[in-house]
Amino acid sequence: MAWRCTGATNAELIANLAKNGIYHSERVANAMSRVDRAHYVVNKANAYEDSPQHIGHDATISAPHMHAYASEHLLPYLKPGAKVLDVGSGSGYLAAVLYHLVTSPSGTKGKVIGIDHIPELVDFSTDNLKRDGLGKAMEESNLVMIAGDGRKGYPREAPYDAIHVGAAAPTLPEALVQQLASPGRMFIPVGTSRQVIIQVDKDEQGNVTQKELMGVMYVPLTDRKQDAQRPNL
């Protein structure tokens, strides 16, 4: 079970995720090992708990097991040199993992674009990524964090080999499907009272198929205006 994956260190957390069958790829293990979750959370004492954590502005960093699931499911499209869009990039943690997955030790560099509608979180993620040793990747524009409405994607850099969405859309955003490469894959939570992760695949001919993977509970995918209208609970 995912809740058993909590560790005392980053290495122990990642090892426990593997022990519990959350991921199976050595590439995912290596990428997650290069990203210290303590750089991306507010409460450092709980950095290696396998649970979502608040990062301010009604946003959370997803539980590590969900980041591992996402990386594993998107892996066939995360080849060195690939281009990835991370919608609702929040703290920047998964953007960092994705960057390591699309960048090879031999020097082939992919590109990851993180988009979040909360400017303060974009600033937060930028600082986190620099603290985690990815300042050069940002300077070279291979890792870019921008403020914007992620539901509309980021057409300027499309198409994307892989798209990850870190908040739940009420329905599948057509703009994101359109920006998916052929072939390409998206990992997205969809729904309101009942939410599921949907794997969206687009083949070489542009045909789109959907597959439900698991039930989840994510914060909603919104914009700045909707956030301002949400009641404080």
C-alpha atoms as a PDB file:
ATOM      1  CA  MET A   1       0.000   0.000   0.000  1.00  0.00           C
ATOM      2  CA  ALA A   2       1.151   3.518  -0.793  1.00  0.00           C
ATOM      3  CA  TRP A   3       0.900   4.712   2.814  1.00  0.00           C
ATOM      4  CA  ARG A   4       3.674   2.273   3.722  1.00  0.00           C
ATOM      5  CA  CYS A   5       6.142   4.129   1.517  1.00  0.00           C
ATOM      6  CA  THR A   6       7.063   6.897   3.967  1.00  0.00           C
ATOM      7  CA  GLY A   7      10.786   6.992   4.693  1.00  0.00           C
ATOM      8  CA  ALA A   8      13.213   8.760   6.988  1.00  0.00           C
ATOM      9  CA  THR A   9      15.260   9.931   3.993  1.00  0.00           C
ATOM     10  CA  ASN A  10      14.692  10.601   0.312  1.00  0.00           C
ATOM     11  CA  ALA A  11      16.497   7.373  -0.566  1.00  0.00           C
ATOM     12  CA  GLU A  12      14.368   5.329   1.834  1.00  0.00           C
ATOM     13  CA  LEU A  13      11.160   6.889   0.474  1.00  0.00           C
ATOM     14  CA  ILE A  14      12.100   5.968  -3.102  1.00  0.00           C
ATOM     15  CA  ALA A  15      13.142   2.466  -2.088  1.00  0.00           C
ATOM     16  CA  ASN A  16       9.824   1.941  -0.290  1.00  0.00           C
ATOM     17  CA  LEU A  17       7.898   3.074  -3.356  1.00  0.00           C
ATOM     18  CA  ALA A  18       9.657   0.328  -5.335  1.00  0.00           C
ATOM     19  CA  LYS A  19       9.088  -2.290  -2.616  1.00  0.00           C
ATOM     20  CA  ASN A  20       5.364  -1.610  -2.715  1.00  0.00           C
ATOM     21  CA  GLY A  21       5.187  -1.877  -6.497  1.00  0.00           C
ATOM     22  CA  ILE A  22       4.408   1.773  -7.168  1.00  0.00           C
ATOM     23  CA  TYR A  23       7.006   1.880  -9.934  1.00  0.00           C
ATOM     24  CA  HIS A  24       9.210  -0.725 -11.601  1.00  0.00           C
ATOM     25  CA  SER A  25      11.576   1.224 -13.848  1.00  0.00           C
ATOM     26  CA  GLU A  26      15.168   1.906 -12.886  1.00  0.00           C
ATOM     27  CA  ARG A  27      14.914   5.139 -14.876  1.00  0.00           C
ATOM     28  CA  VAL A  28      12.152   6.376 -12.579  1.00  0.00           C
ATOM     29  CA  ALA A  29      14.203   5.392  -9.521  1.00  0.00           C
ATOM     30  CA  ASN A  30      17.250   7.261 -10.817  1.00  0.00           C
ATOM     31  CA  ALA A  31      15.284  10.391 -11.693  1.00  0.00           C
ATOM     32  CA  MET A  32      13.466  10.538  -8.356  1.00  0.00           C
ATOM     33  CA  SER A  33      16.742   9.911  -6.532  1.00  0.00           C
ATOM     34  CA  ARG A  34      18.173  13.058  -8.107  1.00  0.00           C
ATOM     35  CA  VAL A  35      15.343  15.233  -6.768  1.00  0.00           C
ATOM     36  CA  ASP A  36      15.280  15.859  -3.015  1.00  0.00           C
ATOM     37  CA  ARG A  37      11.667  16.366  -1.965  1.00  0.00           C
ATOM     38  CA  ALA A  38      12.835  18.433   1.003  1.00  0.00           C
ATOM     39  CA  HIS A  39      13.589  21.281  -1.421  1.00  0.00           C
ATOM     40  CA  TYR A  40       9.954  21.379  -2.574  1.00  0.00           C
ATOM     41  CA  VAL A  41       7.869  21.282   0.612  1.00  0.00           C
ATOM     42  CA  VAL A  42       7.112  23.900   3.232  1.00  0.00           C
ATOM     43  CA  ASN A  43       7.419  21.604   6.251  1.00  0.00           C
ATOM     44  CA  LYS A  44      10.860  20.024   5.828  1.00  0.00           C
ATOM     45  CA  ALA A  45      10.304  17.662   8.777  1.00  0.00           C
ATOM     46  CA  ASN A  46       7.620  15.844   6.783  1.00  0.00           C
ATOM     47  CA  ALA A  47       9.390  15.933   3.427  1.00  0.00           C
ATOM     48  CA  TYR A  48       9.598  12.145   3.059  1.00  0.00           C
ATOM     49  CA  GLU A  49       6.066  11.283   4.136  1.00  0.00           C
ATOM     50  CA  ASP A  50       4.063   9.584   1.404  1.00  0.00           C
ATOM     51  CA  SER A  51       1.227  12.060   1.592  1.00  0.00           C
ATOM     52  CA  PRO A  52       0.144  15.289  -0.102  1.00  0.00           C
ATOM     53  CA  GLN A  53       1.251  18.450   1.684  1.00  0.00           C
ATOM     54  CA  HIS A  54       0.046  22.035   1.573  1.00  0.00           C
ATOM     55  CA  ILE A  55       2.395  24.501  -0.111  1.00  0.00           C
ATOM     56  CA  GLY A  56       0.212  27.581   0.309  1.00  0.00           C
ATOM     57  CA  HIS A  57      -2.368  29.341  -1.891  1.00  0.00           C
ATOM     58  CA  ASP A  58      -4.830  26.420  -1.502  1.00  0.00           C
ATOM     59  CA  ALA A  59      -2.376  24.213  -3.399  1.00  0.00           C
ATOM     60  CA  THR A  60      -0.634  20.972  -2.484  1.00  0.00           C
ATOM     61  CA  ILE A  61       2.341  18.924  -3.568  1.00  0.00           C
ATOM     62  CA  SER A  62       0.989  15.486  -4.475  1.00  0.00           C
ATOM     63  CA  ALA A  63       1.971  12.392  -2.513  1.00  0.00           C
ATOM     64  CA  PRO A  64       5.212  10.801  -3.755  1.00  0.00           C
ATOM     65  CA  HIS A  65       3.391   7.646  -4.855  1.00  0.00           C
ATOM     66  CA  MET A  66       1.300   9.710  -7.293  1.00  0.00           C
ATOM     67  CA  HIS A  67       4.422  11.304  -8.765  1.00  0.00           C
ATOM     68  CA  ALA A  68       5.908   7.833  -9.152  1.00  0.00           C
ATOM     69  CA  TYR A  69       2.720   6.507 -10.782  1.00  0.00           C
ATOM     70  CA  ALA A  70       2.691   9.450 -13.201  1.00  0.00           C
ATOM     71  CA  SER A  71       6.348   9.007 -14.125  1.00  0.00           C
ATOM     72  CA  GLU A  72       5.892   5.276 -14.688  1.00  0.00           C
ATOM     73  CA  HIS A  73       2.799   5.668 -16.873  1.00  0.00           C
ATOM     74  CA  LEU A  74       4.321   8.449 -18.972  1.00  0.00           C
ATOM     75  CA  LEU A  75       7.705   6.720 -19.229  1.00  0.00           C
ATOM     76  CA  PRO A  76       7.360   5.361 -22.804  1.00  0.00           C
ATOM     77  CA  TYR A  77       7.105   8.980 -23.981  1.00  0.00           C
ATOM     78  CA  LEU A  78       9.806  10.397 -21.695  1.00  0.00           C
ATOM     79  CA  LYS A  79      12.760   9.592 -23.929  1.00  0.00           C
ATOM     80  CA  PRO A  80      15.880  11.782 -23.936  1.00  0.00           C
ATOM     81  CA  GLY A  81      15.108  14.871 -26.012  1.00  0.00           C
ATOM     82  CA  ALA A  82      11.338  14.709 -25.418  1.00  0.00           C
ATOM     83  CA  LYS A  83       9.229  17.769 -24.648  1.00  0.00           C
ATOM     84  CA  VAL A  84       6.876  17.682 -21.652  1.00  0.00           C
ATOM     85  CA  LEU A  85       4.181  19.982 -20.262  1.00  0.00           C
ATOM     86  CA  ASP A  86       3.467  19.867 -16.512  1.00  0.00           C
ATOM     87  CA  VAL A  87       0.117  21.564 -15.801  1.00  0.00           C
ATOM     88  CA  GLY A  88      -0.406  22.747 -12.241  1.00  0.00           C
ATOM     89  CA  SER A  89       3.323  22.494 -11.606  1.00  0.00           C
ATOM     90  CA  GLY A  90       3.030  23.818  -8.050  1.00  0.00           C
ATOM     91  CA  SER A  91       6.273  23.347  -6.129  1.00  0.00           C
ATOM     92  CA  GLY A  92       8.219  22.230  -9.219  1.00  0.00           C
ATOM     93  CA  TYR A  93       8.994  18.768  -7.837  1.00  0.00           C
ATOM     94  CA  LEU A  94       7.608  16.662 -10.675  1.00  0.00           C
ATOM     95  CA  ALA A  95       8.961  19.077 -13.281  1.00  0.00           C
ATOM     96  CA  ALA A  96      12.412  18.307 -11.889  1.00  0.00           C
ATOM     97  CA  VAL A  97      11.827  14.540 -12.046  1.00  0.00           C
ATOM     98  CA  LEU A  98      10.510  14.827 -15.607  1.00  0.00           C
ATOM     99  CA  TYR A  99      13.525  16.911 -16.628  1.00  0.00           C
ATOM    100  CA  HIS A 100      15.906  14.185 -15.449  1.00  0.00           C
ATOM    101  CA  LEU A 101      13.865  11.599 -17.362  1.00  0.00           C
ATOM    102  CA  VAL A 102      14.101  13.464 -20.676  1.00  0.00           C
ATOM    103  CA  THR A 103      17.753  14.438 -20.289  1.00  0.00           C
ATOM    104  CA  SER A 104      20.416  11.772 -20.793  1.00  0.00           C
ATOM    105  CA  PRO A 105      23.874  11.560 -19.173  1.00  0.00           C
ATOM    106  CA  SER A 106      25.349  11.621 -22.689  1.00  0.00           C
ATOM    107  CA  GLY A 107      24.101  15.163 -23.167  1.00  0.00           C
ATOM    108  CA  THR A 108      20.780  14.813 -25.008  1.00  0.00           C
ATOM    109  CA  LYS A 109      18.528  17.414 -23.409  1.00  0.00           C
ATOM    110  CA  GLY A 110      14.779  17.390 -23.387  1.00  0.00           C
ATOM    111  CA  LYS A 111      12.553  20.261 -22.346  1.00  0.00           C
ATOM    112  CA  VAL A 112      10.020  20.551 -19.529  1.00  0.00           C
ATOM    113  CA  ILE A 113       7.582  23.430 -19.218  1.00  0.00           C
ATOM    114  CA  GLY A 114       5.735  23.852 -15.942  1.00  0.00           C
ATOM    115  CA  ILE A 115       2.661  26.068 -15.896  1.00  0.00           C
ATOM    116  CA  ASP A 116       0.704  27.246 -12.858  1.00  0.00           C
ATOM    117  CA  HIS A 117      -1.927  29.964 -12.603  1.00  0.00           C
ATOM    118  CA  ILE A 118      -0.583  31.213  -9.247  1.00  0.00           C
ATOM    119  CA  PRO A 119       2.420  33.544  -9.811  1.00  0.00           C
ATOM    120  CA  GLU A 120       3.613  33.089  -6.231  1.00  0.00           C
ATOM    121  CA  LEU A 121       3.894  29.342  -6.794  1.00  0.00           C
ATOM    122  CA  VAL A 122       5.821  29.920 -10.013  1.00  0.00           C
ATOM    123  CA  ASP A 123       8.300  31.986  -7.993  1.00  0.00           C
ATOM    124  CA  PHE A 124       8.344  29.312  -5.271  1.00  0.00           C
ATOM    125  CA  SER A 125       9.034  26.539  -7.781  1.00  0.00           C
ATOM    126  CA  THR A 126      11.763  28.547  -9.490  1.00  0.00           C
ATOM    127  CA  ASP A 127      13.574  29.002  -6.179  1.00  0.00           C
ATOM    128  CA  ASN A 128      13.125  25.317  -5.339  1.00  0.00           C
ATOM    129  CA  LEU A 129      14.542  24.141  -8.665  1.00  0.00           C
ATOM    130  CA  LYS A 130      17.581  26.386  -8.339  1.00  0.00           C
ATOM    131  CA  ARG A 131      18.137  25.127  -4.790  1.00  0.00           C
ATOM    132  CA  ASP A 132      18.008  21.578  -6.136  1.00  0.00           C
ATOM    133  CA  GLY A 133      20.805  22.245  -8.626  1.00  0.00           C
ATOM    134  CA  LEU A 134      18.754  22.919 -11.753  1.00  0.00           C
ATOM    135  CA  GLY A 135      19.622  26.583 -12.198  1.00  0.00           C
ATOM    136  CA  LYS A 136      21.666  25.897 -15.344  1.00  0.00           C
ATOM    137  CA  ALA A 137      18.815  23.979 -16.949  1.00  0.00           C
ATOM    138  CA  MET A 138      16.587  26.988 -16.316  1.00  0.00           C
ATOM    139  CA  GLU A 139      19.175  29.414 -17.688  1.00  0.00           C
ATOM    140  CA  GLU A 140      19.359  27.324 -20.869  1.00  0.00           C
ATOM    141  CA  SER A 141      15.531  27.284 -21.106  1.00  0.00           C
ATOM    142  CA  ASN A 142      15.400  23.495 -20.948  1.00  0.00           C
ATOM    143  CA  LEU A 143      13.345  23.794 -17.765  1.00  0.00           C
ATOM    144  CA  VAL A 144      10.842  26.655 -17.821  1.00  0.00           C
ATOM    145  CA  MET A 145       8.253  27.673 -15.225  1.00  0.00           C
ATOM    146  CA  ILE A 146       5.541  30.069 -16.355  1.00  0.00           C
ATOM    147  CA  ALA A 147       2.377  31.642 -14.946  1.00  0.00           C
ATOM    148  CA  GLY A 148      -0.768  30.951 -16.948  1.00  0.00           C
ATOM    149  CA  ASP A 149      -4.053  29.083 -17.246  1.00  0.00           C
ATOM    150  CA  GLY A 150      -2.900  25.495 -17.559  1.00  0.00           C
ATOM    151  CA  ARG A 151      -6.317  24.339 -18.739  1.00  0.00           C
ATOM    152  CA  LYS A 152      -5.445  26.025 -22.038  1.00  0.00           C
ATOM    153  CA  GLY A 153      -2.019  24.390 -22.135  1.00  0.00           C
ATOM    154  CA  TYR A 154       0.875  26.314 -23.635  1.00  0.00           C
ATOM    155  CA  PRO A 155       0.393  26.350 -27.425  1.00  0.00           C
ATOM    156  CA  ARG A 156       3.627  28.229 -28.112  1.00  0.00           C
ATOM    157  CA  GLU A 157       5.722  25.129 -27.372  1.00  0.00           C
ATOM    158  CA  ALA A 158       3.276  22.437 -28.572  1.00  0.00           C
ATOM    159  CA  PRO A 159       3.153  19.620 -29.452  1.00  0.00           C
ATOM    160  CA  TYR A 160       4.223  17.744 -26.320  1.00  0.00           C
ATOM    161  CA  ASP A 161       5.339  14.130 -26.176  1.00  0.00           C
ATOM    162  CA  ALA A 162       3.875  13.886 -22.674  1.00  0.00           C
ATOM    163  CA  ILE A 163       1.521  16.014 -20.594  1.00  0.00           C
ATOM    164  CA  HIS A 164       1.038  15.670 -16.849  1.00  0.00           C
ATOM    165  CA  VAL A 165      -1.791  17.439 -15.044  1.00  0.00           C
ATOM    166  CA  GLY A 166      -1.506  17.817 -11.293  1.00  0.00           C
ATOM    167  CA  ALA A 167      -5.059  18.969 -10.471  1.00  0.00           C
ATOM    168  CA  ALA A 168      -8.489  17.618 -11.344  1.00  0.00           C
ATOM    169  CA  ALA A 169     -10.362  19.010 -14.346  1.00  0.00           C
ATOM    170  CA  PRO A 170     -14.165  18.540 -14.319  1.00  0.00           C
ATOM    171  CA  THR A 171     -13.912  17.246 -17.907  1.00  0.00           C
ATOM    172  CA  LEU A 172     -11.005  16.467 -20.216  1.00  0.00           C
ATOM    173  CA  PRO A 173      -9.631  19.812 -21.531  1.00  0.00           C
ATOM    174  CA  GLU A 174      -9.729  19.668 -25.334  1.00  0.00           C
ATOM    175  CA  ALA A 175      -6.903  22.198 -25.598  1.00  0.00           C
ATOM    176  CA  LEU A 176      -4.539  19.776 -23.875  1.00  0.00           C
ATOM    177  CA  VAL A 177      -5.583  16.906 -26.139  1.00  0.00           C
ATOM    178  CA  GLN A 178      -4.919  19.079 -29.179  1.00  0.00           C
ATOM    179  CA  GLN A 179      -1.433  19.957 -27.897  1.00  0.00           C
ATOM    180  CA  LEU A 180      -0.481  16.316 -27.423  1.00  0.00           C
ATOM    181  CA  ALA A 181       1.981  15.025 -30.024  1.00  0.00           C
ATOM    182  CA  SER A 182       1.226  12.103 -32.342  1.00  0.00           C
ATOM    183  CA  PRO A 183       2.166   9.810 -30.713  1.00  0.00           C
ATOM    184  CA  GLY A 184       1.886  11.174 -27.199  1.00  0.00           C
ATOM    185  CA  ARG A 185       0.384  10.479 -23.776  1.00  0.00           C
ATOM    186  CA  MET A 186      -1.331  12.498 -21.052  1.00  0.00           C
ATOM    187  CA  PHE A 187      -1.832  11.596 -17.373  1.00  0.00           C
ATOM    188  CA  ILE A 188      -4.709  13.625 -15.941  1.00  0.00           C
ATOM    189  CA  PRO A 189      -7.163  13.450 -13.006  1.00  0.00           C
ATOM    190  CA  VAL A 190     -10.726  14.132 -14.182  1.00  0.00           C
ATOM    191  CA  GLY A 191     -13.957  14.573 -12.239  1.00  0.00           C
ATOM    192  CA  THR A 192     -15.543  16.454  -9.356  1.00  0.00           C
ATOM    193  CA  SER A 193     -17.177  14.328  -6.643  1.00  0.00           C
ATOM    194  CA  ARG A 194     -15.742  11.206  -8.295  1.00  0.00           C
ATOM    195  CA  GLN A 195     -12.275  11.597  -9.721  1.00  0.00           C
ATOM    196  CA  VAL A 196     -10.212   9.163 -11.781  1.00  0.00           C
ATOM    197  CA  ILE A 197      -6.822   9.285 -13.438  1.00  0.00           C
ATOM    198  CA  ILE A 198      -7.284   9.046 -17.188  1.00  0.00           C
ATOM    199  CA  GLN A 199      -4.466   8.007 -19.496  1.00  0.00           C
ATOM    200  CA  VAL A 200      -5.009   9.728 -22.837  1.00  0.00           C
ATOM    201  CA  ASP A 201      -3.102   8.271 -25.782  1.00  0.00           C
ATOM    202  CA  LYS A 202      -2.791   9.793 -29.241  1.00  0.00           C
ATOM    203  CA  ASP A 203      -1.385   7.522 -31.950  1.00  0.00           C
ATOM    204  CA  GLU A 204       0.649   8.358 -35.047  1.00  0.00           C
ATOM    205  CA  GLN A 205      -2.524   9.034 -37.032  1.00  0.00           C
ATOM    206  CA  GLY A 206      -3.928  11.364 -34.378  1.00  0.00           C
ATOM    207  CA  ASN A 207      -6.517   8.911 -33.044  1.00  0.00           C
ATOM    208  CA  VAL A 208      -7.249   9.474 -29.345  1.00  0.00           C
ATOM    209  CA  THR A 209      -8.097   6.786 -26.802  1.00  0.00           C
ATOM    210  CA  GLN A 210      -8.788   7.052 -23.079  1.00  0.00           C
ATOM    211  CA  LYS A 211      -8.183   4.570 -20.276  1.00  0.00           C
ATOM    212  CA  GLU A 212      -9.196   4.913 -16.613  1.00  0.00           C
ATOM    213  CA  LEU A 213      -6.297   3.970 -14.344  1.00  0.00           C
ATOM    214  CA  MET A 214      -7.379   4.553 -10.725  1.00  0.00           C
ATOM    215  CA  GLY A 215      -9.632   6.540  -8.439  1.00  0.00           C
ATOM    216  CA  VAL A 216      -8.032   9.618  -6.815  1.00  0.00           C
ATOM    217  CA  MET A 217      -8.792  12.839  -4.969  1.00  0.00           C
ATOM    218  CA  TYR A 218      -7.011  15.958  -6.229  1.00  0.00           C
ATOM    219  CA  VAL A 219      -7.508  19.684  -5.717  1.00  0.00           C
ATOM    220  CA  PRO A 220      -9.499  21.222  -8.604  1.00  0.00           C
ATOM    221  CA  LEU A 221      -7.846  22.628 -11.728  1.00  0.00           C
ATOM    222  CA  THR A 222      -8.884  26.284 -11.640  1.00  0.00           C
ATOM    223  CA  ASP A 223      -7.756  29.750 -12.655  1.00  0.00           C
ATOM    224  CA  ARG A 224      -6.868  32.770 -10.525  1.00  0.00           C
ATOM    225  CA  LYS A 225     -10.407  34.207 -10.737  1.00  0.00           C
ATOM    226  CA  GLN A 226     -12.048  30.963  -9.605  1.00  0.00           C
ATOM    227  CA  ASP A 227      -9.605  30.648  -6.709  1.00  0.00           C
ATOM    228  CA  ALA A 228     -10.571  34.139  -5.509  1.00  0.00           C
ATOM    229  CA  GLN A 229     -14.239  33.103  -5.525  1.00  0.00           C
ATOM    230  CA  ARG A 230     -13.713  29.873  -3.580  1.00  0.00           C
ATOM    231  CA  PRO A 231     -14.822  30.097   0.093  1.00  0.00           C
ATOM    232  CA  ASN A 232     -12.249  29.775   2.836  1.00  0.00           C
ATOM    233  CA  LEU A 233     -12.991  26.495   4.619  1.00  0.00           C
END
